[in-house]
Amino acid sequence: QLIFLTGGEEPLFEEIKGTDLEAMGKASFFFGAPGKGARMKLVVNMVMGTMMASLGEGLALCGAAGMDCEQLLKVLDLGVMSNGMFRLKGPKMVQSDHAPNFPLQHAQKDMRLAGELGAQLGLGLPVAAATNAAMLAAREQGLSDEDFSSVYEAQKKTKP
């Protein structure tokens, strides 16, 4: 279900929140001025992208070390890092199934935009920058239209 991240006129938000938005989604948030909802979505996508790159890098290291990636996913799911994205995408990544739900080109665009926003605000985002570089490497390997989990395919080939 949808989560609405909105900005604009609060009276309008309140008017549609209890009827239209509730009918279409599971939660609605109001962030203030126009554009604030889009900024929040950018932050959310940045966090999601860095999590995906982290999982891909972990799977790449696990595989390169001769360990079972499926076991890594089980261990992660039993601890504090358990999350829906890892449960959904992890097994598919191990099988090299990157059927697009969120195309890599769009995820990388959001990483770039998040970095630009950080720079505008005087905030360095080194994890987002590293994730953007990993996603760009995957795009250079022809994976732009695949799911953003395909960053893992490039990470398996990364050399020191």
C-alpha atoms as a PDB file:
ATOM      1  CA  GLN A   1       0.000   0.000   0.000  1.00  0.00           C
ATOM      2  CA  LEU A   2       1.010   3.573  -0.631  1.00  0.00           C
ATOM      3  CA  ILE A   3       2.584   5.963   1.840  1.00  0.00           C
ATOM      4  CA  PHE A   4       1.822   9.573   0.952  1.00  0.00           C
ATOM      5  CA  LEU A   5       4.602  12.101   1.567  1.00  0.00           C
ATOM      6  CA  THR A   6       3.043  15.504   0.977  1.00  0.00           C
ATOM      7  CA  GLY A   7       3.747  19.196   1.081  1.00  0.00           C
ATOM      8  CA  GLY A   8       1.695  22.215   0.203  1.00  0.00           C
ATOM      9  CA  GLU A   9      -1.369  23.692   1.821  1.00  0.00           C
ATOM     10  CA  GLU A  10      -2.166  21.964   5.101  1.00  0.00           C
ATOM     11  CA  PRO A  11      -5.937  22.619   5.004  1.00  0.00           C
ATOM     12  CA  LEU A  12      -6.108  20.819   1.658  1.00  0.00           C
ATOM     13  CA  PHE A  13      -4.062  17.929   3.064  1.00  0.00           C
ATOM     14  CA  GLU A  14      -6.416  17.644   6.058  1.00  0.00           C
ATOM     15  CA  GLU A  15      -9.425  17.736   3.744  1.00  0.00           C
ATOM     16  CA  ILE A  16      -8.300  14.768   1.642  1.00  0.00           C
ATOM     17  CA  LYS A  17      -6.341  12.848   4.287  1.00  0.00           C
ATOM     18  CA  GLY A  18      -9.316  11.197   5.971  1.00  0.00           C
ATOM     19  CA  THR A  19     -11.064  10.165   2.789  1.00  0.00           C
ATOM     20  CA  ASP A  20      -9.093   9.974  -0.430  1.00  0.00           C
ATOM     21  CA  LEU A  21      -5.632   9.257   0.947  1.00  0.00           C
ATOM     22  CA  GLU A  22      -6.818   6.682   3.486  1.00  0.00           C
ATOM     23  CA  ALA A  23      -8.683   4.846   0.720  1.00  0.00           C
ATOM     24  CA  MET A  24      -5.510   4.535  -1.359  1.00  0.00           C
ATOM     25  CA  GLY A  25      -2.725   4.155   1.183  1.00  0.00           C
ATOM     26  CA  LYS A  26      -1.672   2.970   4.596  1.00  0.00           C
ATOM     27  CA  ALA A  27      -0.239   6.261   5.865  1.00  0.00           C
ATOM     28  CA  SER A  28      -0.102   9.963   5.024  1.00  0.00           C
ATOM     29  CA  PHE A  29       2.449  12.522   6.173  1.00  0.00           C
ATOM     30  CA  PHE A  30       2.460  16.287   5.799  1.00  0.00           C
ATOM     31  CA  PHE A  31       5.860  18.002   5.737  1.00  0.00           C
ATOM     32  CA  GLY A  32       4.984  21.657   5.176  1.00  0.00           C
ATOM     33  CA  ALA A  33       5.892  23.828   2.223  1.00  0.00           C
ATOM     34  CA  PRO A  34       5.577  22.635  -1.388  1.00  0.00           C
ATOM     35  CA  GLY A  35       8.501  20.393  -2.280  1.00  0.00           C
ATOM     36  CA  LYS A  36       9.051  19.050   1.245  1.00  0.00           C
ATOM     37  CA  GLY A  37       7.248  15.788   0.452  1.00  0.00           C
ATOM     38  CA  ALA A  38       9.476  15.298  -2.592  1.00  0.00           C
ATOM     39  CA  ARG A  39      12.545  15.957  -0.447  1.00  0.00           C
ATOM     40  CA  MET A  40      11.411  13.340   2.065  1.00  0.00           C
ATOM     41  CA  LYS A  41      10.917  10.831  -0.753  1.00  0.00           C
ATOM     42  CA  LEU A  42      14.459  11.598  -1.916  1.00  0.00           C
ATOM     43  CA  VAL A  43      15.787  10.918   1.600  1.00  0.00           C
ATOM     44  CA  VAL A  44      13.809   7.664   1.811  1.00  0.00           C
ATOM     45  CA  ASN A  45      15.131   6.501  -1.580  1.00  0.00           C
ATOM     46  CA  MET A  46      18.683   7.440  -0.572  1.00  0.00           C
ATOM     47  CA  VAL A  47      18.439   5.292   2.567  1.00  0.00           C
ATOM     48  CA  MET A  48      16.897   2.429   0.581  1.00  0.00           C
ATOM     49  CA  GLY A  49      19.616   2.654  -2.073  1.00  0.00           C
ATOM     50  CA  THR A  50      22.441   2.636   0.463  1.00  0.00           C
ATOM     51  CA  MET A  51      20.879  -0.360   2.179  1.00  0.00           C
ATOM     52  CA  MET A  52      20.693  -2.188  -1.153  1.00  0.00           C
ATOM     53  CA  ALA A  53      24.323  -1.409  -1.977  1.00  0.00           C
ATOM     54  CA  SER A  54      25.360  -2.575   1.479  1.00  0.00           C
ATOM     55  CA  LEU A  55      23.503  -5.867   1.047  1.00  0.00           C
ATOM     56  CA  GLY A  56      25.037  -6.336  -2.406  1.00  0.00           C
ATOM     57  CA  GLU A  57      28.520  -5.710  -1.083  1.00  0.00           C
ATOM     58  CA  GLY A  58      27.932  -8.122   1.796  1.00  0.00           C
ATOM     59  CA  LEU A  59      26.694 -10.811  -0.575  1.00  0.00           C
ATOM     60  CA  ALA A  60      29.678 -10.206  -2.862  1.00  0.00           C
ATOM     61  CA  LEU A  61      32.116 -10.584   0.029  1.00  0.00           C
ATOM     62  CA  CYS A  62      30.301 -13.649   1.342  1.00  0.00           C
ATOM     63  CA  GLY A  63      30.438 -15.345  -2.062  1.00  0.00           C
ATOM     64  CA  ALA A  64      34.064 -14.384  -2.683  1.00  0.00           C
ATOM     65  CA  ALA A  65      34.987 -15.831   0.717  1.00  0.00           C
ATOM     66  CA  GLY A  66      33.427 -19.158  -0.290  1.00  0.00           C
ATOM     67  CA  MET A  67      30.498 -18.901   2.097  1.00  0.00           C
ATOM     68  CA  ASP A  68      26.826 -19.610   1.430  1.00  0.00           C
ATOM     69  CA  CYS A  69      24.942 -16.416   0.579  1.00  0.00           C
ATOM     70  CA  GLU A  70      21.618 -18.014   1.507  1.00  0.00           C
ATOM     71  CA  GLN A  71      22.984 -18.580   5.015  1.00  0.00           C
ATOM     72  CA  LEU A  72      24.040 -14.933   5.204  1.00  0.00           C
ATOM     73  CA  LEU A  73      20.476 -13.912   4.397  1.00  0.00           C
ATOM     74  CA  LYS A  74      19.150 -16.187   7.148  1.00  0.00           C
ATOM     75  CA  VAL A  75      21.598 -14.765   9.686  1.00  0.00           C
ATOM     76  CA  LEU A  76      20.677 -11.187   8.715  1.00  0.00           C
ATOM     77  CA  ASP A  77      16.974 -11.975   8.986  1.00  0.00           C
ATOM     78  CA  LEU A  78      17.356 -13.273  12.535  1.00  0.00           C
ATOM     79  CA  GLY A  79      19.082 -10.178  13.879  1.00  0.00           C
ATOM     80  CA  VAL A  80      18.396  -6.504  14.329  1.00  0.00           C
ATOM     81  CA  MET A  81      19.047  -5.860  10.617  1.00  0.00           C
ATOM     82  CA  SER A  82      16.044  -7.921   9.563  1.00  0.00           C
ATOM     83  CA  ASN A  83      13.902  -5.942   7.148  1.00  0.00           C
ATOM     84  CA  GLY A  84      11.378  -6.469   4.414  1.00  0.00           C
ATOM     85  CA  MET A  85      13.616  -5.295   1.592  1.00  0.00           C
ATOM     86  CA  PHE A  86      16.365  -7.785   2.446  1.00  0.00           C
ATOM     87  CA  ARG A  87      13.783 -10.589   2.768  1.00  0.00           C
ATOM     88  CA  LEU A  88      12.253  -9.701  -0.607  1.00  0.00           C
ATOM     89  CA  LYS A  89      15.345  -8.833  -2.627  1.00  0.00           C
ATOM     90  CA  GLY A  90      18.089 -10.960  -1.010  1.00  0.00           C
ATOM     91  CA  PRO A  91      16.996 -14.366  -2.361  1.00  0.00           C
ATOM     92  CA  LYS A  92      16.376 -12.850  -5.801  1.00  0.00           C
ATOM     93  CA  MET A  93      19.849 -11.284  -5.804  1.00  0.00           C
ATOM     94  CA  VAL A  94      21.454 -14.630  -5.005  1.00  0.00           C
ATOM     95  CA  GLN A  95      19.582 -16.076  -8.012  1.00  0.00           C
ATOM     96  CA  SER A  96      20.568 -13.092 -10.227  1.00  0.00           C
ATOM     97  CA  ASP A  97      16.874 -12.251 -10.618  1.00  0.00           C
ATOM     98  CA  HIS A  98      16.719  -8.503 -11.104  1.00  0.00           C
ATOM     99  CA  ALA A  99      13.308  -8.149 -12.731  1.00  0.00           C
ATOM    100  CA  PRO A 100      12.632  -4.433 -12.330  1.00  0.00           C
ATOM    101  CA  ASN A 101      10.405  -3.064  -9.611  1.00  0.00           C
ATOM    102  CA  PHE A 102      12.551   0.054  -9.140  1.00  0.00           C
ATOM    103  CA  PRO A 103      14.891   0.395 -12.146  1.00  0.00           C
ATOM    104  CA  LEU A 104      18.536   1.034 -11.341  1.00  0.00           C
ATOM    105  CA  GLN A 105      18.597   4.171 -13.501  1.00  0.00           C
ATOM    106  CA  HIS A 106      15.917   5.768 -11.310  1.00  0.00           C
ATOM    107  CA  ALA A 107      17.568   4.688  -8.056  1.00  0.00           C
ATOM    108  CA  GLN A 108      20.905   6.097  -9.240  1.00  0.00           C
ATOM    109  CA  LYS A 109      19.215   9.365 -10.244  1.00  0.00           C
ATOM    110  CA  ASP A 110      17.843   9.676  -6.728  1.00  0.00           C
ATOM    111  CA  MET A 111      21.285   8.982  -5.243  1.00  0.00           C
ATOM    112  CA  ARG A 112      22.733  11.734  -7.419  1.00  0.00           C
ATOM    113  CA  LEU A 113      19.968  14.147  -6.471  1.00  0.00           C
ATOM    114  CA  ALA A 114      20.395  13.355  -2.776  1.00  0.00           C
ATOM    115  CA  GLY A 115      24.101  14.110  -3.088  1.00  0.00           C
ATOM    116  CA  GLU A 116      23.312  17.379  -4.818  1.00  0.00           C
ATOM    117  CA  LEU A 117      20.820  18.312  -2.103  1.00  0.00           C
ATOM    118  CA  GLY A 118      23.376  17.513   0.567  1.00  0.00           C
ATOM    119  CA  ALA A 119      25.933  19.709  -1.177  1.00  0.00           C
ATOM    120  CA  GLN A 120      23.418  22.570  -1.426  1.00  0.00           C
ATOM    121  CA  LEU A 121      22.829  22.260   2.305  1.00  0.00           C
ATOM    122  CA  GLY A 122      26.545  22.022   3.130  1.00  0.00           C
ATOM    123  CA  LEU A 123      26.277  18.366   4.162  1.00  0.00           C
ATOM    124  CA  GLY A 124      28.636  15.660   2.907  1.00  0.00           C
ATOM    125  CA  LEU A 125      27.002  12.304   2.193  1.00  0.00           C
ATOM    126  CA  PRO A 126      29.926   9.876   1.725  1.00  0.00           C
ATOM    127  CA  VAL A 127      27.808   6.708   1.957  1.00  0.00           C
ATOM    128  CA  ALA A 128      25.381   8.046  -0.639  1.00  0.00           C
ATOM    129  CA  ALA A 129      28.334   9.076  -2.834  1.00  0.00           C
ATOM    130  CA  ALA A 130      29.822   5.574  -2.639  1.00  0.00           C
ATOM    131  CA  THR A 131      26.423   4.070  -3.445  1.00  0.00           C
ATOM    132  CA  ASN A 132      26.014   6.421  -6.400  1.00  0.00           C
ATOM    133  CA  ALA A 133      29.425   5.314  -7.712  1.00  0.00           C
ATOM    134  CA  ALA A 134      28.464   1.639  -7.336  1.00  0.00           C
ATOM    135  CA  MET A 135      25.196   2.225  -9.151  1.00  0.00           C
ATOM    136  CA  LEU A 136      26.953   4.128 -11.929  1.00  0.00           C
ATOM    137  CA  ALA A 137      29.355   1.183 -12.337  1.00  0.00           C
ATOM    138  CA  ALA A 138      26.377  -1.154 -12.646  1.00  0.00           C
ATOM    139  CA  ARG A 139      24.747   1.135 -15.200  1.00  0.00           C
ATOM    140  CA  GLU A 140      27.980   1.158 -17.221  1.00  0.00           C
ATOM    141  CA  GLN A 141      27.657  -2.636 -17.364  1.00  0.00           C
ATOM    142  CA  GLY A 142      24.273  -2.272 -19.083  1.00  0.00           C
ATOM    143  CA  LEU A 143      22.055  -2.813 -16.034  1.00  0.00           C
ATOM    144  CA  SER A 144      20.143   0.502 -16.114  1.00  0.00           C
ATOM    145  CA  ASP A 145      16.762  -1.072 -16.843  1.00  0.00           C
ATOM    146  CA  GLU A 146      17.182  -3.892 -14.320  1.00  0.00           C
ATOM    147  CA  ASP A 147      16.054  -3.593 -10.713  1.00  0.00           C
ATOM    148  CA  PHE A 148      18.260  -1.508  -8.431  1.00  0.00           C
ATOM    149  CA  SER A 149      19.295  -4.781  -6.773  1.00  0.00           C
ATOM    150  CA  SER A 150      21.396  -5.389  -9.891  1.00  0.00           C
ATOM    151  CA  VAL A 151      24.061  -3.193  -8.306  1.00  0.00           C
ATOM    152  CA  TYR A 152      25.131  -6.532  -6.789  1.00  0.00           C
ATOM    153  CA  GLU A 153      26.150  -7.839 -10.220  1.00  0.00           C
ATOM    154  CA  ALA A 154      28.682  -5.023 -10.562  1.00  0.00           C
ATOM    155  CA  GLN A 155      29.814  -5.406  -6.958  1.00  0.00           C
ATOM    156  CA  LYS A 156      30.707  -9.063  -7.572  1.00  0.00           C
ATOM    157  CA  LYS A 157      33.146  -7.875 -10.244  1.00  0.00           C
ATOM    158  CA  THR A 158      34.672  -4.923  -8.352  1.00  0.00           C
ATOM    159  CA  LYS A 159      38.420  -5.129  -7.911  1.00  0.00           C
ATOM    160  CA  PRO A 160      40.403  -3.383  -5.144  1.00  0.00           C
END
